[in-house]
Amino acid sequence: MLAKMIEVRWHGRGGQGAKTAALLFAEAVLATGKYIQAFPEYGPERMGAPVQSFNRVSEDPITIHSGITNPNYVVILDPSLMESVSVTEGVGQNGKVIVNTSFSASEIAQKLGIDAGQVYVVNASQIAVETMGKDIPNTPMLGALVKVIGSLDIDSVLEDTKIKLTAKFRHKPEVIEGNLASIKRAFDEVKN
């Protein structure tokens, strides 16, 4: 059962796919009959500059149309952002932070100054390189988010994502299969 409404904030750098991941997540959740919002925060970003994207998911219609200030989940595509961006801003005691890193959850929690029980880690960059041949961690982090939320069905997410990717990359089956493999692998490998 999904909580009344969950809010997600994605942190990445331009070109890492934070916006794409938020949209894929929203579309997959929409296919399960839930209400969703997905929106990026735009500014004068260039390739490599810090960017944010957001999601809201609810069992009921969403009437809020503002930025997300107290996310339930924060997804960090680029761990170097922890040095320069306040990635845990607004995260409450029950909030969860999912980081693309090779470090342990306790090491990341210490660095962020939050409880280790709030931190989940997965080496999404390594997974992306091994499954897709490129360090684009967005789809692995999508799989990790689905696992941490816990109330979403990974098979439904994979099926909907396959449909969306097939529409865009029908002549590149390796792109479709690589992304799906990365989602599933991160779902299986994310740890607390």
N, C-alpha and C. Protein backbone atom coordinates (compact mmCIF):
# COMPACT_ATOMS: atom_id res chain seq x y z
N MET A 1 0.85 -1.19 0.00
CA MET A 1 0.00 0.00 0.00
C MET A 1 0.88 1.24 0.00
N LEU A 2 0.61 2.13 -0.90
CA LEU A 2 1.36 3.38 -1.02
C LEU A 2 0.90 4.36 0.05
N ALA A 3 1.86 5.10 0.60
CA ALA A 3 1.51 6.16 1.55
C ALA A 3 0.60 7.15 0.83
N LYS A 4 -0.08 8.01 1.59
CA LYS A 4 -1.02 8.98 1.01
C LYS A 4 -0.40 9.69 -0.20
N MET A 5 0.77 10.26 -0.03
CA MET A 5 1.50 10.85 -1.15
C MET A 5 2.98 10.76 -0.84
N ILE A 6 3.76 10.36 -1.84
CA ILE A 6 5.21 10.38 -1.66
C ILE A 6 5.79 11.42 -2.60
N GLU A 7 6.87 12.04 -2.13
CA GLU A 7 7.55 13.05 -2.92
C GLU A 7 9.01 12.66 -3.06
N VAL A 8 9.53 12.80 -4.28
CA VAL A 8 10.89 12.38 -4.60
C VAL A 8 11.64 13.56 -5.20
N ARG A 9 12.87 13.75 -4.75
CA ARG A 9 13.75 14.75 -5.36
C ARG A 9 14.98 14.03 -5.91
N TRP A 10 15.26 14.28 -7.18
CA TRP A 10 16.41 13.70 -7.87
C TRP A 10 17.50 14.76 -7.99
N HIS A 11 18.73 14.40 -7.64
CA HIS A 11 19.88 15.29 -7.82
C HIS A 11 20.84 14.65 -8.81
N GLY A 12 21.23 15.40 -9.82
CA GLY A 12 22.20 14.91 -10.77
C GLY A 12 22.94 16.07 -11.40
N ARG A 13 23.65 15.76 -12.45
CA ARG A 13 24.33 16.77 -13.24
C ARG A 13 23.74 16.72 -14.64
N GLY A 14 23.74 17.87 -15.30
CA GLY A 14 23.22 17.91 -16.66
C GLY A 14 23.86 16.83 -17.52
N GLY A 15 23.03 16.02 -18.17
CA GLY A 15 23.53 14.94 -19.01
C GLY A 15 23.50 13.57 -18.36
N GLN A 16 23.22 13.52 -17.05
CA GLN A 16 23.17 12.22 -16.36
C GLN A 16 21.79 11.59 -16.39
N GLY A 17 20.79 12.32 -16.83
CA GLY A 17 19.47 11.75 -16.99
C GLY A 17 18.53 11.86 -15.81
N ALA A 18 18.72 12.85 -14.93
CA ALA A 18 17.82 13.03 -13.78
C ALA A 18 16.40 13.32 -14.26
N LYS A 19 16.26 14.17 -15.26
CA LYS A 19 14.94 14.48 -15.80
C LYS A 19 14.32 13.24 -16.44
N THR A 20 15.08 12.52 -17.22
CA THR A 20 14.59 11.32 -17.89
C THR A 20 14.16 10.27 -16.87
N ALA A 21 14.95 10.08 -15.82
CA ALA A 21 14.61 9.09 -14.80
C ALA A 21 13.31 9.46 -14.10
N ALA A 22 13.13 10.75 -13.78
CA ALA A 22 11.89 11.19 -13.13
C ALA A 22 10.69 10.95 -14.04
N LEU A 23 10.87 11.20 -15.34
CA LEU A 23 9.76 10.97 -16.29
C LEU A 23 9.47 9.48 -16.45
N LEU A 24 10.50 8.65 -16.58
CA LEU A 24 10.28 7.20 -16.70
C LEU A 24 9.60 6.65 -15.45
N PHE A 25 10.06 7.11 -14.28
CA PHE A 25 9.46 6.68 -13.02
C PHE A 25 7.98 7.06 -12.99
N ALA A 26 7.68 8.30 -13.36
CA ALA A 26 6.29 8.77 -13.35
C ALA A 26 5.42 7.97 -14.31
N GLU A 27 5.92 7.73 -15.51
CA GLU A 27 5.13 6.99 -16.49
C GLU A 27 4.88 5.56 -16.04
N ALA A 28 5.89 4.93 -15.44
CA ALA A 28 5.72 3.56 -14.95
C ALA A 28 4.71 3.51 -13.82
N VAL A 29 4.75 4.48 -12.93
CA VAL A 29 3.80 4.52 -11.81
C VAL A 29 2.40 4.85 -12.32
N LEU A 30 2.30 5.74 -13.29
CA LEU A 30 1.00 6.09 -13.89
C LEU A 30 0.34 4.84 -14.46
N ALA A 31 1.13 3.97 -15.07
CA ALA A 31 0.59 2.74 -15.67
C ALA A 31 -0.02 1.81 -14.62
N THR A 32 0.31 2.01 -13.34
CA THR A 32 -0.27 1.18 -12.28
C THR A 32 -1.57 1.79 -11.73
N GLY A 33 -1.98 2.94 -12.29
CA GLY A 33 -3.24 3.54 -11.89
C GLY A 33 -3.12 4.61 -10.82
N LYS A 34 -1.90 4.95 -10.46
CA LYS A 34 -1.70 6.00 -9.45
C LYS A 34 -1.63 7.36 -10.13
N TYR A 35 -1.76 8.40 -9.35
CA TYR A 35 -1.62 9.77 -9.85
C TYR A 35 -0.16 10.17 -9.70
N ILE A 36 0.33 10.94 -10.66
CA ILE A 36 1.75 11.30 -10.63
C ILE A 36 1.97 12.74 -11.07
N GLN A 37 3.12 13.26 -10.69
CA GLN A 37 3.67 14.50 -11.23
C GLN A 37 5.15 14.24 -11.45
N ALA A 38 5.69 14.81 -12.51
CA ALA A 38 7.14 14.77 -12.76
C ALA A 38 7.51 16.12 -13.36
N PHE A 39 8.50 16.76 -12.76
CA PHE A 39 8.90 18.06 -13.29
C PHE A 39 10.35 18.34 -12.93
N PRO A 40 11.08 18.98 -13.85
CA PRO A 40 12.46 19.37 -13.57
C PRO A 40 12.50 20.79 -13.03
N GLU A 41 13.62 21.14 -12.45
CA GLU A 41 13.87 22.52 -12.06
C GLU A 41 14.91 23.04 -13.04
N TYR A 42 14.49 23.98 -13.86
CA TYR A 42 15.38 24.48 -14.89
C TYR A 42 16.01 25.80 -14.50
N GLY A 43 17.18 26.00 -14.97
CA GLY A 43 17.91 27.25 -14.82
C GLY A 43 18.88 27.31 -15.98
N PRO A 44 19.96 28.01 -15.83
CA PRO A 44 20.93 28.13 -16.91
C PRO A 44 21.91 26.95 -16.95
N GLU A 45 21.43 25.73 -16.62
CA GLU A 45 22.31 24.57 -16.51
C GLU A 45 22.94 24.22 -17.85
N ARG A 46 24.17 23.74 -17.74
CA ARG A 46 24.88 23.21 -18.89
C ARG A 46 25.26 21.78 -18.54
N MET A 47 25.79 21.08 -19.51
CA MET A 47 26.27 19.72 -19.28
C MET A 47 27.20 19.73 -18.07
N GLY A 48 26.90 18.90 -17.09
CA GLY A 48 27.74 18.80 -15.90
C GLY A 48 27.32 19.68 -14.73
N ALA A 49 26.43 20.65 -14.97
CA ALA A 49 25.97 21.52 -13.89
C ALA A 49 24.94 20.79 -13.02
N PRO A 50 24.83 21.12 -11.73
CA PRO A 50 23.83 20.47 -10.86
C PRO A 50 22.41 20.75 -11.35
N VAL A 51 21.59 19.70 -11.38
CA VAL A 51 20.18 19.81 -11.76
C VAL A 51 19.33 19.03 -10.77
N GLN A 52 18.05 19.36 -10.72
CA GLN A 52 17.09 18.63 -9.88
C GLN A 52 15.85 18.32 -10.70
N SER A 53 15.25 17.18 -10.40
CA SER A 53 13.94 16.82 -10.93
C SER A 53 13.12 16.28 -9.77
N PHE A 54 11.80 16.26 -9.95
CA PHE A 54 10.91 15.91 -8.85
C PHE A 54 9.78 15.00 -9.31
N ASN A 55 9.27 14.21 -8.35
CA ASN A 55 8.08 13.39 -8.58
C ASN A 55 7.17 13.48 -7.37
N ARG A 56 5.87 13.42 -7.65
CA ARG A 56 4.87 13.18 -6.62
C ARG A 56 4.08 11.97 -7.10
N VAL A 57 3.75 11.08 -6.16
CA VAL A 57 2.96 9.88 -6.45
C VAL A 57 1.88 9.78 -5.38
N SER A 58 0.64 9.52 -5.82
CA SER A 58 -0.45 9.43 -4.86
C SER A 58 -1.53 8.48 -5.36
N GLU A 59 -2.28 7.94 -4.41
CA GLU A 59 -3.46 7.14 -4.74
C GLU A 59 -4.62 8.05 -5.14
N ASP A 60 -4.55 9.31 -4.73
CA ASP A 60 -5.62 10.28 -4.98
C ASP A 60 -5.11 11.38 -5.92
N PRO A 61 -6.01 12.13 -6.54
CA PRO A 61 -5.57 13.25 -7.40
C PRO A 61 -4.65 14.19 -6.63
N ILE A 62 -3.64 14.70 -7.32
CA ILE A 62 -2.66 15.60 -6.71
C ILE A 62 -3.07 17.03 -7.04
N THR A 63 -3.30 17.82 -6.00
CA THR A 63 -3.74 19.19 -6.21
C THR A 63 -2.64 20.21 -5.91
N ILE A 64 -1.50 19.74 -5.42
CA ILE A 64 -0.36 20.62 -5.13
C ILE A 64 0.40 20.86 -6.43
N HIS A 65 0.73 22.11 -6.70
CA HIS A 65 1.49 22.44 -7.90
C HIS A 65 2.62 23.39 -7.53
N SER A 66 3.51 22.91 -6.67
CA SER A 66 4.63 23.72 -6.23
C SER A 66 5.86 22.82 -6.13
N GLY A 67 6.99 23.42 -5.86
CA GLY A 67 8.21 22.65 -5.68
C GLY A 67 8.11 21.74 -4.46
N ILE A 68 8.99 20.78 -4.40
CA ILE A 68 9.02 19.83 -3.28
C ILE A 68 10.10 20.28 -2.31
N THR A 69 9.68 20.58 -1.08
CA THR A 69 10.63 21.06 -0.08
C THR A 69 10.95 20.02 0.99
N ASN A 70 10.07 19.03 1.18
CA ASN A 70 10.29 18.00 2.19
C ASN A 70 10.11 16.62 1.56
N PRO A 71 11.07 16.19 0.75
CA PRO A 71 10.92 14.91 0.04
C PRO A 71 10.97 13.71 0.98
N ASN A 72 10.21 12.68 0.61
CA ASN A 72 10.28 11.41 1.32
C ASN A 72 11.51 10.63 0.88
N TYR A 73 11.90 10.84 -0.39
CA TYR A 73 13.03 10.13 -0.99
C TYR A 73 13.89 11.13 -1.75
N VAL A 74 15.20 11.01 -1.59
CA VAL A 74 16.15 11.80 -2.36
C VAL A 74 17.04 10.81 -3.11
N VAL A 75 17.17 11.00 -4.41
CA VAL A 75 17.97 10.13 -5.25
C VAL A 75 19.15 10.95 -5.76
N ILE A 76 20.37 10.50 -5.45
CA ILE A 76 21.57 11.24 -5.82
C ILE A 76 22.33 10.46 -6.88
N LEU A 77 22.27 10.97 -8.13
CA LEU A 77 22.93 10.30 -9.25
C LEU A 77 24.45 10.49 -9.22
N ASP A 78 24.90 11.64 -8.73
CA ASP A 78 26.33 11.96 -8.72
C ASP A 78 26.75 12.27 -7.29
N PRO A 79 27.53 11.38 -6.66
CA PRO A 79 27.89 11.58 -5.26
C PRO A 79 28.74 12.82 -5.01
N SER A 80 29.40 13.36 -6.05
CA SER A 80 30.20 14.58 -5.84
C SER A 80 29.30 15.76 -5.48
N LEU A 81 28.01 15.67 -5.77
CA LEU A 81 27.09 16.75 -5.41
C LEU A 81 26.95 16.91 -3.90
N MET A 82 27.26 15.86 -3.15
CA MET A 82 27.17 15.94 -1.69
C MET A 82 28.13 16.97 -1.13
N GLU A 83 29.15 17.33 -1.90
CA GLU A 83 30.15 18.32 -1.48
C GLU A 83 29.66 19.75 -1.69
N SER A 84 28.78 19.96 -2.68
CA SER A 84 28.44 21.33 -3.06
C SER A 84 26.94 21.67 -3.00
N VAL A 85 26.09 20.67 -2.89
CA VAL A 85 24.64 20.89 -2.89
C VAL A 85 24.08 20.33 -1.58
N SER A 86 23.12 21.01 -1.01
CA SER A 86 22.48 20.58 0.23
C SER A 86 21.46 19.47 -0.09
N VAL A 87 21.98 18.28 -0.41
CA VAL A 87 21.13 17.20 -0.91
C VAL A 87 20.13 16.68 0.12
N THR A 88 20.41 16.85 1.40
CA THR A 88 19.48 16.35 2.43
C THR A 88 18.54 17.43 2.95
N GLU A 89 18.58 18.61 2.36
CA GLU A 89 17.71 19.70 2.81
C GLU A 89 16.25 19.27 2.76
N GLY A 90 15.55 19.45 3.88
CA GLY A 90 14.12 19.15 3.95
C GLY A 90 13.79 17.69 4.20
N VAL A 91 14.78 16.83 4.28
CA VAL A 91 14.52 15.40 4.51
C VAL A 91 14.27 15.19 5.99
N GLY A 92 13.12 14.67 6.32
CA GLY A 92 12.77 14.42 7.72
C GLY A 92 13.39 13.15 8.26
N GLN A 93 13.06 12.82 9.49
CA GLN A 93 13.62 11.62 10.14
C GLN A 93 13.22 10.33 9.45
N ASN A 94 12.10 10.35 8.75
CA ASN A 94 11.65 9.14 8.04
C ASN A 94 12.05 9.15 6.57
N GLY A 95 12.71 10.20 6.13
CA GLY A 95 13.13 10.30 4.74
C GLY A 95 14.25 9.33 4.41
N LYS A 96 14.32 8.95 3.15
CA LYS A 96 15.34 8.02 2.68
C LYS A 96 16.18 8.69 1.60
N VAL A 97 17.49 8.44 1.65
CA VAL A 97 18.42 9.00 0.68
C VAL A 97 19.10 7.83 -0.03
N ILE A 98 19.04 7.83 -1.36
CA ILE A 98 19.61 6.75 -2.17
C ILE A 98 20.76 7.35 -2.98
N VAL A 99 21.96 6.80 -2.79
CA VAL A 99 23.15 7.39 -3.40
C VAL A 99 23.84 6.40 -4.34
N ASN A 100 24.23 6.90 -5.50
CA ASN A 100 25.07 6.17 -6.45
C ASN A 100 26.50 6.25 -5.94
N THR A 101 26.99 5.17 -5.36
CA THR A 101 28.32 5.19 -4.76
C THR A 101 28.85 3.78 -4.55
N SER A 102 30.16 3.68 -4.38
CA SER A 102 30.77 2.40 -4.00
C SER A 102 31.00 2.35 -2.49
N PHE A 103 30.73 3.46 -1.79
CA PHE A 103 30.88 3.49 -0.34
C PHE A 103 29.69 2.83 0.36
N SER A 104 29.88 2.49 1.62
CA SER A 104 28.80 1.86 2.40
C SER A 104 27.78 2.91 2.84
N ALA A 105 26.61 2.43 3.21
CA ALA A 105 25.55 3.32 3.71
C ALA A 105 26.03 4.07 4.96
N SER A 106 26.75 3.39 5.83
CA SER A 106 27.20 4.06 7.06
C SER A 106 28.24 5.14 6.75
N GLU A 107 29.10 4.92 5.77
CA GLU A 107 30.07 5.95 5.38
C GLU A 107 29.36 7.18 4.79
N ILE A 108 28.36 6.94 3.96
CA ILE A 108 27.61 8.04 3.35
C ILE A 108 26.79 8.78 4.41
N ALA A 109 26.18 8.03 5.33
CA ALA A 109 25.39 8.66 6.41
C ALA A 109 26.27 9.58 7.24
N GLN A 110 27.47 9.14 7.54
CA GLN A 110 28.40 9.96 8.32
C GLN A 110 28.74 11.23 7.55
N LYS A 111 28.99 11.09 6.27
CA LYS A 111 29.34 12.24 5.43
C LYS A 111 28.17 13.24 5.35
N LEU A 112 26.94 12.72 5.28
CA LEU A 112 25.76 13.57 5.17
C LEU A 112 25.24 14.07 6.53
N GLY A 113 25.70 13.44 7.60
CA GLY A 113 25.25 13.84 8.93
C GLY A 113 23.83 13.40 9.24
N ILE A 114 23.42 12.25 8.69
CA ILE A 114 22.09 11.70 8.96
C ILE A 114 22.21 10.27 9.46
N ASP A 115 21.12 9.73 9.95
CA ASP A 115 21.09 8.38 10.49
C ASP A 115 21.36 7.36 9.38
N ALA A 116 22.19 6.36 9.68
CA ALA A 116 22.54 5.34 8.69
C ALA A 116 21.31 4.57 8.19
N GLY A 117 20.28 4.48 9.01
CA GLY A 117 19.05 3.80 8.59
C GLY A 117 18.30 4.52 7.49
N GLN A 118 18.66 5.77 7.24
CA GLN A 118 18.01 6.55 6.19
C GLN A 118 18.72 6.43 4.84
N VAL A 119 19.89 5.83 4.82
CA VAL A 119 20.73 5.84 3.61
C VAL A 119 20.75 4.47 2.94
N TYR A 120 20.59 4.51 1.63
CA TYR A 120 20.69 3.33 0.78
C TYR A 120 21.73 3.62 -0.28
N VAL A 121 22.52 2.60 -0.62
CA VAL A 121 23.57 2.80 -1.61
C VAL A 121 23.51 1.72 -2.68
N VAL A 122 23.93 2.11 -3.87
CA VAL A 122 24.06 1.17 -4.99
C VAL A 122 25.10 1.76 -5.93
N ASN A 123 25.94 0.92 -6.51
CA ASN A 123 26.94 1.42 -7.45
C ASN A 123 26.32 1.48 -8.84
N ALA A 124 25.47 2.48 -9.04
CA ALA A 124 24.72 2.62 -10.30
C ALA A 124 25.64 2.92 -11.47
N SER A 125 26.73 3.63 -11.23
CA SER A 125 27.67 3.92 -12.33
C SER A 125 28.30 2.63 -12.84
N GLN A 126 28.72 1.78 -11.94
CA GLN A 126 29.30 0.49 -12.34
C GLN A 126 28.26 -0.36 -13.07
N ILE A 127 27.07 -0.41 -12.54
CA ILE A 127 26.00 -1.18 -13.18
C ILE A 127 25.73 -0.65 -14.58
N ALA A 128 25.67 0.68 -14.73
CA ALA A 128 25.42 1.28 -16.04
C ALA A 128 26.51 0.93 -17.03
N VAL A 129 27.76 1.01 -16.61
CA VAL A 129 28.88 0.68 -17.51
C VAL A 129 28.81 -0.80 -17.91
N GLU A 130 28.51 -1.67 -16.95
CA GLU A 130 28.48 -3.11 -17.23
C GLU A 130 27.27 -3.54 -18.05
N THR A 131 26.15 -2.84 -17.93
CA THR A 131 24.94 -3.26 -18.66
C THR A 131 24.69 -2.46 -19.93
N MET A 132 25.17 -1.19 -19.96
CA MET A 132 24.89 -0.33 -21.10
C MET A 132 26.13 0.21 -21.79
N GLY A 133 27.29 0.02 -21.17
CA GLY A 133 28.53 0.49 -21.78
C GLY A 133 28.81 1.96 -21.56
N LYS A 134 27.98 2.65 -20.77
CA LYS A 134 28.16 4.08 -20.50
C LYS A 134 27.80 4.37 -19.06
N ASP A 135 28.49 5.36 -18.49
CA ASP A 135 28.20 5.77 -17.11
C ASP A 135 27.04 6.77 -17.10
N ILE A 136 25.85 6.24 -17.33
CA ILE A 136 24.62 7.04 -17.23
C ILE A 136 23.77 6.34 -16.17
N PRO A 137 23.84 6.83 -14.92
CA PRO A 137 23.28 6.10 -13.79
C PRO A 137 21.78 6.26 -13.57
N ASN A 138 21.07 6.93 -14.48
CA ASN A 138 19.67 7.23 -14.20
C ASN A 138 18.78 6.00 -14.11
N THR A 139 18.85 5.09 -15.07
CA THR A 139 17.94 3.94 -15.00
C THR A 139 18.30 2.98 -13.85
N PRO A 140 19.59 2.76 -13.54
CA PRO A 140 19.83 1.95 -12.35
C PRO A 140 19.25 2.60 -11.08
N MET A 141 19.37 3.91 -10.97
CA MET A 141 18.83 4.59 -9.78
C MET A 141 17.31 4.50 -9.73
N LEU A 142 16.66 4.42 -10.88
CA LEU A 142 15.21 4.19 -10.94
C LEU A 142 14.89 2.85 -10.29
N GLY A 143 15.65 1.81 -10.63
CA GLY A 143 15.45 0.49 -10.02
C GLY A 143 15.67 0.52 -8.51
N ALA A 144 16.70 1.23 -8.07
CA ALA A 144 16.98 1.34 -6.64
C ALA A 144 15.84 2.05 -5.91
N LEU A 145 15.31 3.11 -6.52
CA LEU A 145 14.19 3.85 -5.91
C LEU A 145 12.97 2.95 -5.75
N VAL A 146 12.65 2.18 -6.77
CA VAL A 146 11.49 1.28 -6.70
C VAL A 146 11.66 0.30 -5.53
N LYS A 147 12.87 -0.22 -5.37
CA LYS A 147 13.13 -1.17 -4.27
C LYS A 147 12.97 -0.49 -2.91
N VAL A 148 13.53 0.71 -2.76
CA VAL A 148 13.49 1.39 -1.46
C VAL A 148 12.06 1.81 -1.10
N ILE A 149 11.29 2.25 -2.09
CA ILE A 149 9.88 2.59 -1.81
C ILE A 149 9.15 1.36 -1.31
N GLY A 150 9.39 0.23 -1.97
CA GLY A 150 8.87 -1.03 -1.47
C GLY A 150 7.44 -1.38 -1.82
N SER A 151 6.63 -0.40 -2.20
CA SER A 151 5.22 -0.70 -2.48
C SER A 151 4.91 -0.72 -3.98
N LEU A 152 5.94 -0.60 -4.80
CA LEU A 152 5.75 -0.63 -6.25
C LEU A 152 6.24 -1.96 -6.80
N ASP A 153 5.58 -2.45 -7.82
CA ASP A 153 5.92 -3.74 -8.41
C ASP A 153 7.00 -3.56 -9.48
N ILE A 154 8.16 -4.17 -9.27
CA ILE A 154 9.28 -4.01 -10.21
C ILE A 154 8.93 -4.55 -11.59
N ASP A 155 8.17 -5.62 -11.67
CA ASP A 155 7.82 -6.18 -12.98
C ASP A 155 6.95 -5.22 -13.78
N SER A 156 6.03 -4.54 -13.12
CA SER A 156 5.20 -3.54 -13.80
C SER A 156 6.06 -2.37 -14.27
N VAL A 157 6.99 -1.94 -13.44
CA VAL A 157 7.89 -0.84 -13.81
C VAL A 157 8.74 -1.25 -15.02
N LEU A 158 9.27 -2.46 -14.98
CA LEU A 158 10.10 -2.94 -16.10
C LEU A 158 9.28 -3.03 -17.39
N GLU A 159 8.07 -3.54 -17.29
CA GLU A 159 7.23 -3.68 -18.49
C GLU A 159 6.89 -2.33 -19.10
N ASP A 160 6.50 -1.38 -18.26
CA ASP A 160 6.16 -0.06 -18.78
C ASP A 160 7.39 0.64 -19.35
N THR A 161 8.51 0.51 -18.67
CA THR A 161 9.75 1.12 -19.16
C THR A 161 10.15 0.51 -20.49
N LYS A 162 9.97 -0.79 -20.63
CA LYS A 162 10.28 -1.46 -21.91
C LYS A 162 9.44 -0.88 -23.04
N ILE A 163 8.16 -0.64 -22.77
CA ILE A 163 7.28 -0.06 -23.79
C ILE A 163 7.77 1.33 -24.19
N LYS A 164 8.10 2.15 -23.18
CA LYS A 164 8.57 3.53 -23.46
C LYS A 164 9.88 3.52 -24.23
N LEU A 165 10.81 2.66 -23.81
CA LEU A 165 12.11 2.60 -24.48
C LEU A 165 12.00 2.03 -25.89
N THR A 166 11.11 1.07 -26.08
CA THR A 166 10.92 0.48 -27.41
C THR A 166 10.39 1.53 -28.38
N ALA A 167 9.51 2.39 -27.92
CA ALA A 167 8.98 3.45 -28.78
C ALA A 167 10.10 4.39 -29.25
N LYS A 168 11.08 4.61 -28.38
CA LYS A 168 12.16 5.54 -28.70
C LYS A 168 13.36 4.87 -29.37
N PHE A 169 13.65 3.63 -28.97
CA PHE A 169 14.87 2.96 -29.43
C PHE A 169 14.59 1.63 -30.14
N ARG A 170 13.50 1.55 -30.89
CA ARG A 170 13.12 0.26 -31.49
C ARG A 170 14.20 -0.31 -32.40
N HIS A 171 15.05 0.54 -32.96
CA HIS A 171 16.12 0.06 -33.85
C HIS A 171 17.43 -0.18 -33.09
N LYS A 172 17.37 -0.04 -31.77
CA LYS A 172 18.55 -0.27 -30.93
C LYS A 172 18.16 -1.18 -29.76
N PRO A 173 17.92 -2.46 -30.03
CA PRO A 173 17.48 -3.36 -28.95
C PRO A 173 18.48 -3.47 -27.81
N GLU A 174 19.76 -3.23 -28.10
CA GLU A 174 20.78 -3.30 -27.04
C GLU A 174 20.58 -2.18 -26.02
N VAL A 175 20.07 -1.03 -26.45
CA VAL A 175 19.80 0.08 -25.53
C VAL A 175 18.64 -0.30 -24.61
N ILE A 176 17.61 -0.88 -25.20
CA ILE A 176 16.43 -1.30 -24.41
C ILE A 176 16.84 -2.35 -23.38
N GLU A 177 17.50 -3.40 -23.85
CA GLU A 177 17.87 -4.51 -22.96
C GLU A 177 18.87 -4.05 -21.89
N GLY A 178 19.81 -3.19 -22.27
CA GLY A 178 20.79 -2.68 -21.30
C GLY A 178 20.14 -1.88 -20.19
N ASN A 179 19.19 -1.01 -20.55
CA ASN A 179 18.48 -0.21 -19.55
C ASN A 179 17.64 -1.08 -18.63
N LEU A 180 16.93 -2.05 -19.20
CA LEU A 180 16.11 -2.93 -18.37
C LEU A 180 16.97 -3.76 -17.43
N ALA A 181 18.10 -4.26 -17.93
CA ALA A 181 19.01 -5.03 -17.09
C ALA A 181 19.56 -4.16 -15.96
N SER A 182 19.85 -2.90 -16.26
CA SER A 182 20.40 -2.01 -15.22
C SER A 182 19.37 -1.72 -14.14
N ILE A 183 18.11 -1.55 -14.52
CA ILE A 183 17.05 -1.30 -13.54
C ILE A 183 16.92 -2.50 -12.60
N LYS A 184 16.84 -3.68 -13.18
CA LYS A 184 16.65 -4.91 -12.39
C LYS A 184 17.85 -5.17 -11.48
N ARG A 185 19.04 -4.97 -12.03
CA ARG A 185 20.24 -5.23 -11.23
C ARG A 185 20.34 -4.27 -10.05
N ALA A 186 20.07 -2.99 -10.25
CA ALA A 186 20.12 -2.02 -9.15
C ALA A 186 19.03 -2.32 -8.12
N PHE A 187 17.86 -2.75 -8.60
CA PHE A 187 16.77 -3.16 -7.70
C PHE A 187 17.28 -4.27 -6.77
N ASP A 188 18.01 -5.21 -7.35
CA ASP A 188 18.53 -6.36 -6.57
C ASP A 188 19.72 -5.99 -5.69
N GLU A 189 20.52 -5.00 -6.10
CA GLU A 189 21.78 -4.72 -5.41
C GLU A 189 21.75 -3.56 -4.42
N VAL A 190 20.72 -2.72 -4.45
CA VAL A 190 20.68 -1.58 -3.51
C VAL A 190 20.65 -2.12 -2.08
N LYS A 191 21.42 -1.47 -1.20
CA LYS A 191 21.47 -1.95 0.19
C LYS A 191 21.50 -0.78 1.16
N ASN A 192 21.12 -1.11 2.38
CA ASN A 192 21.01 -0.13 3.47
C ASN A 192 22.19 -0.31 4.40
